[in-house]
Amino acid sequence: MVATSTALFPELPKVAFARHETFHPRFGWLKKGFDAASSDPGIFTADDAVVRLGVGKNMVRSIRYWCNAFQVLENDRPTKFGQNLLSDGGWDPFLENPASLWLLHWQLLKNPEEATAWAIAFFGFHAVEFSPDDLLTSLEQYSDGSPGKKTAVSSLKKDMNCILRMYSEPELQRGAIEDSINSPFSGLGLISRSRKQYKFCIGEKENLPPEIIVYACLKFAETSSAKTISVSRLTYDPHSPGLTFKLPERVICDAIADVERRDPRVAVRESEGLLQFSFTEDPNSLAEDILEQYYMEPVAAL
């Protein structure tokens, strides 16, 4: 296994491990937490939060964590992204379209301060086939090299287990059904399992629309002053769409070409032997426009 770079996120003012109370995100939790916080940003610390949310105390904390980690809330208040996606009348308030889960996965990995282990697993852990212990070792390597207080191995193990339960199809066992059947993100096909071995599934994803890939490419390019970025960077750089969605260059190029047929503001071209993604407008504004158009098209509704 290739060692994890401790310089993967040198700019982070803080890191966070094991804030999910051992619960992976479950169906309905984000909508429940978003709606509750929209009505009362203090809901998660209210004395009657358990009654109002209808879940146990640990689950209240977990819902709060996931809503902020996925950036549908920020400091327990609705974000623009959260309002667009989850508000009544929003793009997909009940997350019926798999594209919305891909979008949330992108948002989670864009937030390494709140989901540090997730960012390490997807950006700094270079094994394709691995055991749970391999992933745990990678988290330990990052934690050991990070400034500040060392994270307990027990906390890292909670994150490791949560990542694997969240993204891989469950192995149903007696007494473990409750923990194994409620992760909507297992349907993304990012991690497969065979007994006690796991594998990142690198390749085309059947339920990942090209518009979501192009949106991510534009958001990744938004810090650049140029109107082009190499497809290689989109595939292999930390925080890139390629590593986030586990896509090869070919799939990224195909997605850009697909969107280009409907929107000539984006294109993929070869220049001096290198494939380049080009765009004609501000990448952040263009990304938001492409995303909104996708959700407004009837074909986006399932």
C-alpha atoms as a PDB file:
ATOM      1  CA  MET A   1       0.000   0.000   0.000  1.00  0.00           C
ATOM      2  CA  VAL A   2       1.279   3.460  -0.867  1.00  0.00           C
ATOM      3  CA  ALA A   3       1.667   5.675   2.199  1.00  0.00           C
ATOM      4  CA  THR A   4      -0.723   8.553   2.726  1.00  0.00           C
ATOM      5  CA  SER A   5       0.785  12.015   2.336  1.00  0.00           C
ATOM      6  CA  THR A   6       0.520  14.054   5.519  1.00  0.00           C
ATOM      7  CA  ALA A   7       0.775  17.168   3.330  1.00  0.00           C
ATOM      8  CA  LEU A   8      -2.450  16.273   1.532  1.00  0.00           C
ATOM      9  CA  PHE A   9      -4.396  19.128   3.165  1.00  0.00           C
ATOM     10  CA  PRO A  10      -1.717  21.513   4.434  1.00  0.00           C
ATOM     11  CA  GLU A  11      -4.114  24.458   4.453  1.00  0.00           C
ATOM     12  CA  LEU A  12      -6.694  22.953   6.794  1.00  0.00           C
ATOM     13  CA  PRO A  13      -7.188  24.977   9.981  1.00  0.00           C
ATOM     14  CA  LYS A  14      -8.827  21.951  11.599  1.00  0.00           C
ATOM     15  CA  VAL A  15      -9.657  18.321  10.994  1.00  0.00           C
ATOM     16  CA  ALA A  16     -12.586  16.235  12.202  1.00  0.00           C
ATOM     17  CA  PHE A  17     -12.822  12.518  12.866  1.00  0.00           C
ATOM     18  CA  ALA A  18     -15.670  10.340  14.150  1.00  0.00           C
ATOM     19  CA  ARG A  19     -18.296  13.069  14.434  1.00  0.00           C
ATOM     20  CA  HIS A  20     -21.063  10.876  13.012  1.00  0.00           C
ATOM     21  CA  GLU A  21     -21.803   8.912  16.206  1.00  0.00           C
ATOM     22  CA  THR A  22     -21.055   5.704  14.202  1.00  0.00           C
ATOM     23  CA  PHE A  23     -24.132   6.257  11.962  1.00  0.00           C
ATOM     24  CA  HIS A  24     -23.731   6.570   8.204  1.00  0.00           C
ATOM     25  CA  PRO A  25     -26.239   8.904   6.502  1.00  0.00           C
ATOM     26  CA  ARG A  26     -29.621   7.270   6.159  1.00  0.00           C
ATOM     27  CA  PHE A  27     -32.590   7.735   3.879  1.00  0.00           C
ATOM     28  CA  GLY A  28     -34.544  10.829   4.845  1.00  0.00           C
ATOM     29  CA  TRP A  29     -32.031  12.209   7.336  1.00  0.00           C
ATOM     30  CA  LEU A  30     -30.796  15.149   5.270  1.00  0.00           C
ATOM     31  CA  LYS A  31     -34.309  16.307   4.419  1.00  0.00           C
ATOM     32  CA  LYS A  32     -35.395  15.866   8.039  1.00  0.00           C
ATOM     33  CA  GLY A  33     -32.428  17.844   9.377  1.00  0.00           C
ATOM     34  CA  PHE A  34     -32.649  20.515   6.691  1.00  0.00           C
ATOM     35  CA  ASP A  35     -36.363  21.132   7.240  1.00  0.00           C
ATOM     36  CA  ALA A  36     -35.980  21.228  11.011  1.00  0.00           C
ATOM     37  CA  ALA A  37     -33.060  23.684  10.874  1.00  0.00           C
ATOM     38  CA  SER A  38     -34.891  25.843   8.333  1.00  0.00           C
ATOM     39  CA  SER A  39     -37.662  26.319  10.884  1.00  0.00           C
ATOM     40  CA  ASP A  40     -35.355  26.570  13.897  1.00  0.00           C
ATOM     41  CA  PRO A  41     -31.528  26.714  13.565  1.00  0.00           C
ATOM     42  CA  GLY A  42     -31.301  25.820  17.264  1.00  0.00           C
ATOM     43  CA  ILE A  43     -33.202  22.561  16.856  1.00  0.00           C
ATOM     44  CA  PHE A  44     -30.193  20.280  17.350  1.00  0.00           C
ATOM     45  CA  THR A  45     -29.377  21.652  20.799  1.00  0.00           C
ATOM     46  CA  ALA A  46     -32.968  22.108  21.951  1.00  0.00           C
ATOM     47  CA  ASP A  47     -34.087  20.156  25.007  1.00  0.00           C
ATOM     48  CA  ASP A  48     -36.884  18.552  23.000  1.00  0.00           C
ATOM     49  CA  ALA A  49     -34.824  17.784  19.868  1.00  0.00           C
ATOM     50  CA  VAL A  50     -35.301  14.039  20.344  1.00  0.00           C
ATOM     51  CA  VAL A  51     -39.094  14.457  20.336  1.00  0.00           C
ATOM     52  CA  ARG A  52     -39.216  16.945  17.488  1.00  0.00           C
ATOM     53  CA  LEU A  53     -36.901  14.946  15.208  1.00  0.00           C
ATOM     54  CA  GLY A  54     -38.277  11.582  16.273  1.00  0.00           C
ATOM     55  CA  VAL A  55     -34.883   9.911  16.734  1.00  0.00           C
ATOM     56  CA  GLY A  56     -32.531   9.098  19.610  1.00  0.00           C
ATOM     57  CA  LYS A  57     -30.061  11.565  21.098  1.00  0.00           C
ATOM     58  CA  ASN A  58     -27.058  10.123  19.250  1.00  0.00           C
ATOM     59  CA  MET A  59     -28.973  10.224  15.981  1.00  0.00           C
ATOM     60  CA  VAL A  60     -29.792  13.900  16.543  1.00  0.00           C
ATOM     61  CA  ARG A  61     -26.059  14.610  16.725  1.00  0.00           C
ATOM     62  CA  SER A  62     -25.432  12.428  13.671  1.00  0.00           C
ATOM     63  CA  ILE A  63     -28.097  14.175  11.570  1.00  0.00           C
ATOM     64  CA  ARG A  64     -26.617  17.520  12.580  1.00  0.00           C
ATOM     65  CA  TYR A  65     -23.141  16.358  11.591  1.00  0.00           C
ATOM     66  CA  TRP A  66     -24.170  14.991   8.209  1.00  0.00           C
ATOM     67  CA  CYS A  67     -26.247  18.045   7.268  1.00  0.00           C
ATOM     68  CA  ASN A  68     -23.250  20.290   7.912  1.00  0.00           C
ATOM     69  CA  ALA A  69     -20.732  17.882   6.370  1.00  0.00           C
ATOM     70  CA  PHE A  70     -22.754  17.649   3.145  1.00  0.00           C
ATOM     71  CA  GLN A  71     -23.060  21.452   3.210  1.00  0.00           C
ATOM     72  CA  VAL A  72     -26.839  21.584   3.070  1.00  0.00           C
ATOM     73  CA  LEU A  73     -26.393  23.442   6.368  1.00  0.00           C
ATOM     74  CA  GLU A  74     -23.541  25.652   7.542  1.00  0.00           C
ATOM     75  CA  ASN A  75     -23.370  26.318  11.269  1.00  0.00           C
ATOM     76  CA  ASP A  76     -26.827  24.723  11.421  1.00  0.00           C
ATOM     77  CA  ARG A  77     -28.327  27.241   8.965  1.00  0.00           C
ATOM     78  CA  PRO A  78     -29.525  26.421   5.442  1.00  0.00           C
ATOM     79  CA  THR A  79     -27.047  27.072   2.644  1.00  0.00           C
ATOM     80  CA  LYS A  80     -27.936  28.162  -0.867  1.00  0.00           C
ATOM     81  CA  PHE A  81     -27.035  24.664  -2.054  1.00  0.00           C
ATOM     82  CA  GLY A  82     -29.284  23.103   0.570  1.00  0.00           C
ATOM     83  CA  GLN A  83     -32.182  25.380  -0.349  1.00  0.00           C
ATOM     84  CA  ASN A  84     -31.801  24.645  -4.058  1.00  0.00           C
ATOM     85  CA  LEU A  85     -31.709  20.892  -3.521  1.00  0.00           C
ATOM     86  CA  LEU A  86     -33.849  20.102  -0.463  1.00  0.00           C
ATOM     87  CA  SER A  87     -36.394  22.865   0.089  1.00  0.00           C
ATOM     88  CA  ASP A  88     -40.008  22.070  -0.737  1.00  0.00           C
ATOM     89  CA  GLY A  89     -40.186  22.740  -4.455  1.00  0.00           C
ATOM     90  CA  GLY A  90     -36.405  22.374  -4.755  1.00  0.00           C
ATOM     91  CA  TRP A  91     -34.541  20.322  -7.311  1.00  0.00           C
ATOM     92  CA  ASP A  92     -34.893  16.969  -5.561  1.00  0.00           C
ATOM     93  CA  PRO A  93     -36.022  17.317  -1.932  1.00  0.00           C
ATOM     94  CA  PHE A  94     -36.455  13.577  -1.359  1.00  0.00           C
ATOM     95  CA  LEU A  95     -33.277  12.569  -3.235  1.00  0.00           C
ATOM     96  CA  GLU A  96     -35.112  10.373  -5.721  1.00  0.00           C
ATOM     97  CA  ASN A  97     -32.618  11.113  -8.508  1.00  0.00           C
ATOM     98  CA  PRO A  98     -29.239   9.315  -8.128  1.00  0.00           C
ATOM     99  CA  ALA A  99     -27.613  12.460  -9.544  1.00  0.00           C
ATOM    100  CA  SER A 100     -28.407  14.190  -6.256  1.00  0.00           C
ATOM    101  CA  LEU A 101     -26.478  11.562  -4.291  1.00  0.00           C
ATOM    102  CA  TRP A 102     -23.485  12.074  -6.568  1.00  0.00           C
ATOM    103  CA  LEU A 103     -23.790  15.806  -6.006  1.00  0.00           C
ATOM    104  CA  LEU A 104     -23.898  15.307  -2.242  1.00  0.00           C
ATOM    105  CA  HIS A 105     -20.882  12.994  -2.424  1.00  0.00           C
ATOM    106  CA  TRP A 106     -19.029  15.789  -4.248  1.00  0.00           C
ATOM    107  CA  GLN A 107     -20.074  18.294  -1.584  1.00  0.00           C
ATOM    108  CA  LEU A 108     -18.899  15.990   1.206  1.00  0.00           C
ATOM    109  CA  LEU A 109     -15.433  15.544  -0.281  1.00  0.00           C
ATOM    110  CA  LYS A 110     -15.174  19.293  -0.859  1.00  0.00           C
ATOM    111  CA  ASN A 111     -15.429  19.662   2.908  1.00  0.00           C
ATOM    112  CA  PRO A 112     -12.330  17.944   4.365  1.00  0.00           C
ATOM    113  CA  GLU A 113     -12.490  20.020   7.538  1.00  0.00           C
ATOM    114  CA  GLU A 114     -15.688  18.184   8.474  1.00  0.00           C
ATOM    115  CA  ALA A 115     -15.096  14.872   6.648  1.00  0.00           C
ATOM    116  CA  THR A 116     -11.346  14.461   6.917  1.00  0.00           C
ATOM    117  CA  ALA A 117     -11.308  10.660   6.752  1.00  0.00           C
ATOM    118  CA  TRP A 118     -13.434  10.700   3.602  1.00  0.00           C
ATOM    119  CA  ALA A 119     -10.991  13.049   1.873  1.00  0.00           C
ATOM    120  CA  ILE A 120      -8.033  10.890   2.908  1.00  0.00           C
ATOM    121  CA  ALA A 121      -9.739   7.733   1.644  1.00  0.00           C
ATOM    122  CA  PHE A 122     -10.552   9.180  -1.783  1.00  0.00           C
ATOM    123  CA  PHE A 123      -7.592  11.525  -2.349  1.00  0.00           C
ATOM    124  CA  GLY A 124      -4.667  10.242  -0.308  1.00  0.00           C
ATOM    125  CA  PHE A 125      -5.195   6.495  -0.175  1.00  0.00           C
ATOM    126  CA  HIS A 126      -3.739   5.099  -3.385  1.00  0.00           C
ATOM    127  CA  ALA A 127      -4.690   1.437  -3.154  1.00  0.00           C
ATOM    128  CA  VAL A 128      -7.420   0.140  -5.467  1.00  0.00           C
ATOM    129  CA  GLU A 129      -7.949  -3.200  -3.728  1.00  0.00           C
ATOM    130  CA  PHE A 130      -7.615  -3.091   0.029  1.00  0.00           C
ATOM    131  CA  SER A 131      -8.611  -4.501   3.385  1.00  0.00           C
ATOM    132  CA  PRO A 132     -10.205  -2.497   6.201  1.00  0.00           C
ATOM    133  CA  ASP A 133      -6.846  -2.575   8.002  1.00  0.00           C
ATOM    134  CA  ASP A 134      -5.149  -1.008   4.958  1.00  0.00           C
ATOM    135  CA  LEU A 135      -7.557   1.926   5.055  1.00  0.00           C
ATOM    136  CA  LEU A 136      -7.208   2.265   8.822  1.00  0.00           C
ATOM    137  CA  THR A 137      -3.414   2.359   8.492  1.00  0.00           C
ATOM    138  CA  SER A 138      -3.708   5.143   5.939  1.00  0.00           C
ATOM    139  CA  LEU A 139      -5.881   7.178   8.294  1.00  0.00           C
ATOM    140  CA  GLU A 140      -3.377   6.597  11.096  1.00  0.00           C
ATOM    141  CA  GLN A 141      -0.503   7.769   8.899  1.00  0.00           C
ATOM    142  CA  TYR A 142      -2.273  11.018   8.153  1.00  0.00           C
ATOM    143  CA  SER A 143      -3.277  11.548  11.771  1.00  0.00           C
ATOM    144  CA  ASP A 144       0.256  10.865  13.032  1.00  0.00           C
ATOM    145  CA  GLY A 145       1.686  13.520  10.713  1.00  0.00           C
ATOM    146  CA  SER A 146      -0.961  16.167  11.371  1.00  0.00           C
ATOM    147  CA  PRO A 147      -0.359  19.065  13.760  1.00  0.00           C
ATOM    148  CA  GLY A 148      -2.227  19.157  17.045  1.00  0.00           C
ATOM    149  CA  LYS A 149      -3.533  16.400  19.256  1.00  0.00           C
ATOM    150  CA  LYS A 150      -3.200  12.871  17.911  1.00  0.00           C
ATOM    151  CA  THR A 151      -6.500  11.234  17.024  1.00  0.00           C
ATOM    152  CA  ALA A 152      -7.361   8.051  18.886  1.00  0.00           C
ATOM    153  CA  VAL A 153      -7.213   4.888  16.795  1.00  0.00           C
ATOM    154  CA  SER A 154     -10.727   4.047  18.005  1.00  0.00           C
ATOM    155  CA  SER A 155     -12.029   7.243  16.359  1.00  0.00           C
ATOM    156  CA  LEU A 156     -10.223   6.476  13.110  1.00  0.00           C
ATOM    157  CA  LYS A 157     -11.660   2.967  13.138  1.00  0.00           C
ATOM    158  CA  LYS A 158     -15.171   4.415  13.459  1.00  0.00           C
ATOM    159  CA  ASP A 159     -14.562   6.520  10.345  1.00  0.00           C
ATOM    160  CA  MET A 160     -13.080   3.560   8.475  1.00  0.00           C
ATOM    161  CA  ASN A 161     -16.112   1.407   9.263  1.00  0.00           C
ATOM    162  CA  CYS A 162     -18.512   4.224   8.390  1.00  0.00           C
ATOM    163  CA  ILE A 163     -16.902   4.801   4.982  1.00  0.00           C
ATOM    164  CA  LEU A 164     -17.088   1.115   4.088  1.00  0.00           C
ATOM    165  CA  ARG A 165     -20.704   0.755   5.259  1.00  0.00           C
ATOM    166  CA  MET A 166     -21.702   3.951   3.491  1.00  0.00           C
ATOM    167  CA  TYR A 167     -20.382   3.107   0.023  1.00  0.00           C
ATOM    168  CA  SER A 168     -20.338  -0.682  -0.285  1.00  0.00           C
ATOM    169  CA  GLU A 169     -23.299  -2.986  -0.678  1.00  0.00           C
ATOM    170  CA  PRO A 170     -24.173  -4.593   2.644  1.00  0.00           C
ATOM    171  CA  GLU A 171     -23.331  -8.140   3.555  1.00  0.00           C
ATOM    172  CA  LEU A 172     -26.510  -9.122   5.340  1.00  0.00           C
ATOM    173  CA  GLN A 173     -25.915 -10.882   8.616  1.00  0.00           C
ATOM    174  CA  ARG A 174     -28.217 -11.771  11.462  1.00  0.00           C
ATOM    175  CA  GLY A 175     -28.326  -8.913  13.950  1.00  0.00           C
ATOM    176  CA  ALA A 176     -26.661  -6.446  11.550  1.00  0.00           C
ATOM    177  CA  ILE A 177     -29.525  -5.620   9.196  1.00  0.00           C
ATOM    178  CA  GLU A 178     -30.286  -2.238  10.799  1.00  0.00           C
ATOM    179  CA  ASP A 179     -26.735  -1.049  10.163  1.00  0.00           C
ATOM    180  CA  SER A 180     -26.464  -2.477   6.673  1.00  0.00           C
ATOM    181  CA  ILE A 181     -29.507  -1.530   4.610  1.00  0.00           C
ATOM    182  CA  ASN A 182     -29.952   2.195   5.107  1.00  0.00           C
ATOM    183  CA  SER A 183     -27.156   3.873   3.145  1.00  0.00           C
ATOM    184  CA  PRO A 184     -28.400   5.478  -0.064  1.00  0.00           C
ATOM    185  CA  PHE A 185     -24.785   6.008  -1.157  1.00  0.00           C
ATOM    186  CA  SER A 186     -24.094   2.289  -1.549  1.00  0.00           C
ATOM    187  CA  GLY A 187     -26.000   2.499  -4.839  1.00  0.00           C
ATOM    188  CA  LEU A 188     -23.361   4.754  -6.387  1.00  0.00           C
ATOM    189  CA  GLY A 189     -21.090   1.796  -7.055  1.00  0.00           C
ATOM    190  CA  LEU A 190     -17.926   3.451  -5.725  1.00  0.00           C
ATOM    191  CA  ILE A 191     -16.719   0.589  -3.529  1.00  0.00           C
ATOM    192  CA  SER A 192     -17.328  -3.123  -4.028  1.00  0.00           C
ATOM    193  CA  ARG A 193     -16.664  -5.872  -1.533  1.00  0.00           C
ATOM    194  CA  SER A 194     -15.752  -9.530  -1.720  1.00  0.00           C
ATOM    195  CA  ARG A 195     -15.782 -11.106   1.687  1.00  0.00           C
ATOM    196  CA  LYS A 196     -13.321  -9.051   3.729  1.00  0.00           C
ATOM    197  CA  GLN A 197     -11.657  -7.315   0.766  1.00  0.00           C
ATOM    198  CA  TYR A 198     -12.794  -4.047  -0.791  1.00  0.00           C
ATOM    199  CA  LYS A 199     -12.136  -2.344  -4.115  1.00  0.00           C
ATOM    200  CA  PHE A 200     -12.603   1.167  -5.488  1.00  0.00           C
ATOM    201  CA  CYS A 201     -14.600   0.778  -8.689  1.00  0.00           C
ATOM    202  CA  ILE A 202     -12.780   2.876 -11.281  1.00  0.00           C
ATOM    203  CA  GLY A 203     -14.687   3.351 -14.515  1.00  0.00           C
ATOM    204  CA  GLU A 204     -17.952   4.577 -15.948  1.00  0.00           C
ATOM    205  CA  LYS A 205     -20.821   4.935 -13.475  1.00  0.00           C
ATOM    206  CA  GLU A 206     -24.199   4.146 -15.012  1.00  0.00           C
ATOM    207  CA  ASN A 207     -26.217   6.522 -12.834  1.00  0.00           C
ATOM    208  CA  LEU A 208     -23.760   9.453 -12.893  1.00  0.00           C
ATOM    209  CA  PRO A 209     -25.048  12.021 -15.421  1.00  0.00           C
ATOM    210  CA  PRO A 210     -22.504  13.857 -17.601  1.00  0.00           C
ATOM    211  CA  GLU A 211     -23.871  17.183 -16.341  1.00  0.00           C
ATOM    212  CA  ILE A 212     -22.797  16.326 -12.780  1.00  0.00           C
ATOM    213  CA  ILE A 213     -19.303  15.430 -14.010  1.00  0.00           C
ATOM    214  CA  VAL A 214     -19.018  18.694 -15.957  1.00  0.00           C
ATOM    215  CA  TYR A 215     -20.379  20.651 -12.995  1.00  0.00           C
ATOM    216  CA  ALA A 216     -17.637  19.128 -10.840  1.00  0.00           C
ATOM    217  CA  CYS A 217     -14.989  19.880 -13.492  1.00  0.00           C
ATOM    218  CA  LEU A 218     -16.021  23.536 -13.546  1.00  0.00           C
ATOM    219  CA  LYS A 219     -16.106  23.786  -9.743  1.00  0.00           C
ATOM    220  CA  PHE A 220     -12.636  22.228  -9.619  1.00  0.00           C
ATOM    221  CA  ALA A 221     -11.398  24.779 -12.164  1.00  0.00           C
ATOM    222  CA  GLU A 222     -12.982  27.799 -10.464  1.00  0.00           C
ATOM    223  CA  THR A 223      -9.775  28.854  -8.686  1.00  0.00           C
ATOM    224  CA  SER A 224      -7.894  29.084 -11.991  1.00  0.00           C
ATOM    225  CA  SER A 225      -7.714  32.365 -13.890  1.00  0.00           C
ATOM    226  CA  ALA A 226      -7.356  30.494 -17.184  1.00  0.00           C
ATOM    227  CA  LYS A 227     -10.248  29.271 -19.286  1.00  0.00           C
ATOM    228  CA  THR A 228      -8.679  25.836 -19.725  1.00  0.00           C
ATOM    229  CA  ILE A 229      -7.495  23.024 -17.493  1.00  0.00           C
ATOM    230  CA  SER A 230      -5.914  19.724 -18.460  1.00  0.00           C
ATOM    231  CA  VAL A 231      -8.046  16.598 -18.348  1.00  0.00           C
ATOM    232  CA  SER A 232      -5.131  14.960 -16.543  1.00  0.00           C
ATOM    233  CA  ARG A 233      -5.560  17.359 -13.615  1.00  0.00           C
ATOM    234  CA  LEU A 234      -9.311  16.776 -13.643  1.00  0.00           C
ATOM    235  CA  THR A 235      -8.586  13.071 -13.302  1.00  0.00           C
ATOM    236  CA  TYR A 236      -5.669  12.735 -10.902  1.00  0.00           C
ATOM    237  CA  ASP A 237      -5.296  15.843  -8.708  1.00  0.00           C
ATOM    238  CA  PRO A 238      -6.524  15.807  -5.095  1.00  0.00           C
ATOM    239  CA  HIS A 239     -10.138  17.032  -4.884  1.00  0.00           C
ATOM    240  CA  SER A 240     -10.579  16.344  -8.619  1.00  0.00           C
ATOM    241  CA  PRO A 241     -13.704  14.846 -10.209  1.00  0.00           C
ATOM    242  CA  GLY A 242     -11.638  11.858 -11.312  1.00  0.00           C
ATOM    243  CA  LEU A 243     -10.634  10.881  -7.782  1.00  0.00           C
ATOM    244  CA  THR A 244     -13.948  11.922  -6.236  1.00  0.00           C
ATOM    245  CA  PHE A 245     -16.044   9.844  -8.645  1.00  0.00           C
ATOM    246  CA  LYS A 246     -13.319   7.261  -9.478  1.00  0.00           C
ATOM    247  CA  LEU A 247     -13.356   8.039 -13.189  1.00  0.00           C
ATOM    248  CA  PRO A 248     -10.673   7.556 -15.874  1.00  0.00           C
ATOM    249  CA  GLU A 249      -9.816  10.301 -18.377  1.00  0.00           C
ATOM    250  CA  ARG A 250     -11.926   8.683 -21.092  1.00  0.00           C
ATOM    251  CA  VAL A 251     -15.152   8.942 -19.091  1.00  0.00           C
ATOM    252  CA  ILE A 252     -14.484  12.571 -18.181  1.00  0.00           C
ATOM    253  CA  CYS A 253     -13.828  13.424 -21.837  1.00  0.00           C
ATOM    254  CA  ASP A 254     -16.989  11.612 -22.930  1.00  0.00           C
ATOM    255  CA  ALA A 255     -19.042  13.527 -20.356  1.00  0.00           C
ATOM    256  CA  ILE A 256     -17.689  16.890 -21.512  1.00  0.00           C
ATOM    257  CA  ALA A 257     -18.337  15.984 -25.170  1.00  0.00           C
ATOM    258  CA  ASP A 258     -21.883  14.912 -24.285  1.00  0.00           C
ATOM    259  CA  VAL A 259     -22.664  18.213 -22.562  1.00  0.00           C
ATOM    260  CA  GLU A 260     -20.935  20.158 -25.343  1.00  0.00           C
ATOM    261  CA  ARG A 261     -23.498  18.853 -27.842  1.00  0.00           C
ATOM    262  CA  ARG A 262     -26.165  20.761 -25.895  1.00  0.00           C
ATOM    263  CA  ASP A 263     -24.059  23.573 -24.506  1.00  0.00           C
ATOM    264  CA  PRO A 264     -21.142  24.884 -26.609  1.00  0.00           C
ATOM    265  CA  ARG A 265     -19.796  26.888 -23.661  1.00  0.00           C
ATOM    266  CA  VAL A 266     -17.767  23.818 -22.661  1.00  0.00           C
ATOM    267  CA  ALA A 267     -15.493  21.683 -24.831  1.00  0.00           C
ATOM    268  CA  VAL A 268     -12.691  19.144 -24.741  1.00  0.00           C
ATOM    269  CA  ARG A 269      -9.854  19.674 -27.210  1.00  0.00           C
ATOM    270  CA  GLU A 270      -6.386  18.321 -27.864  1.00  0.00           C
ATOM    271  CA  SER A 271      -3.596  20.922 -27.626  1.00  0.00           C
ATOM    272  CA  GLU A 272       0.076  20.079 -28.065  1.00  0.00           C
ATOM    273  CA  GLY A 273      -0.681  16.444 -27.421  1.00  0.00           C
ATOM    274  CA  LEU A 274      -2.646  17.115 -24.218  1.00  0.00           C
ATOM    275  CA  LEU A 275      -6.384  16.912 -23.714  1.00  0.00           C
ATOM    276  CA  GLN A 276      -7.759  20.199 -22.372  1.00  0.00           C
ATOM    277  CA  PHE A 277     -11.120  21.112 -20.907  1.00  0.00           C
ATOM    278  CA  SER A 278     -12.100  24.608 -22.016  1.00  0.00           C
ATOM    279  CA  PHE A 279     -14.970  26.888 -21.044  1.00  0.00           C
ATOM    280  CA  THR A 280     -16.010  30.325 -22.226  1.00  0.00           C
ATOM    281  CA  GLU A 281     -17.488  31.818 -19.048  1.00  0.00           C
ATOM    282  CA  ASP A 282     -16.722  32.132 -15.363  1.00  0.00           C
ATOM    283  CA  PRO A 283     -16.514  28.477 -14.275  1.00  0.00           C
ATOM    284  CA  ASN A 284     -18.478  28.915 -11.049  1.00  0.00           C
ATOM    285  CA  SER A 285     -21.393  30.695 -12.738  1.00  0.00           C
ATOM    286  CA  LEU A 286     -21.335  28.260 -15.643  1.00  0.00           C
ATOM    287  CA  ALA A 287     -21.318  25.286 -13.265  1.00  0.00           C
ATOM    288  CA  GLU A 288     -24.375  26.581 -11.434  1.00  0.00           C
ATOM    289  CA  ASP A 289     -26.134  27.254 -14.734  1.00  0.00           C
ATOM    290  CA  ILE A 290     -25.479  23.751 -16.085  1.00  0.00           C
ATOM    291  CA  LEU A 291     -26.645  22.190 -12.824  1.00  0.00           C
ATOM    292  CA  GLU A 292     -29.864  24.205 -12.744  1.00  0.00           C
ATOM    293  CA  GLN A 293     -30.583  23.413 -16.381  1.00  0.00           C
ATOM    294  CA  TYR A 294     -30.102  19.714 -15.660  1.00  0.00           C
ATOM    295  CA  TYR A 295     -32.611  19.713 -12.829  1.00  0.00           C
ATOM    296  CA  MET A 296     -35.087  21.843 -14.749  1.00  0.00           C
ATOM    297  CA  GLU A 297     -35.121  19.449 -17.706  1.00  0.00           C
ATOM    298  CA  PRO A 298     -37.953  16.878 -17.550  1.00  0.00           C
ATOM    299  CA  VAL A 299     -35.449  14.075 -18.243  1.00  0.00           C
ATOM    300  CA  ALA A 300     -33.803  14.751 -14.873  1.00  0.00           C
ATOM    301  CA  ALA A 301     -36.929  13.723 -13.005  1.00  0.00           C
ATOM    302  CA  LEU A 302     -37.233  10.034 -12.242  1.00  0.00           C
END
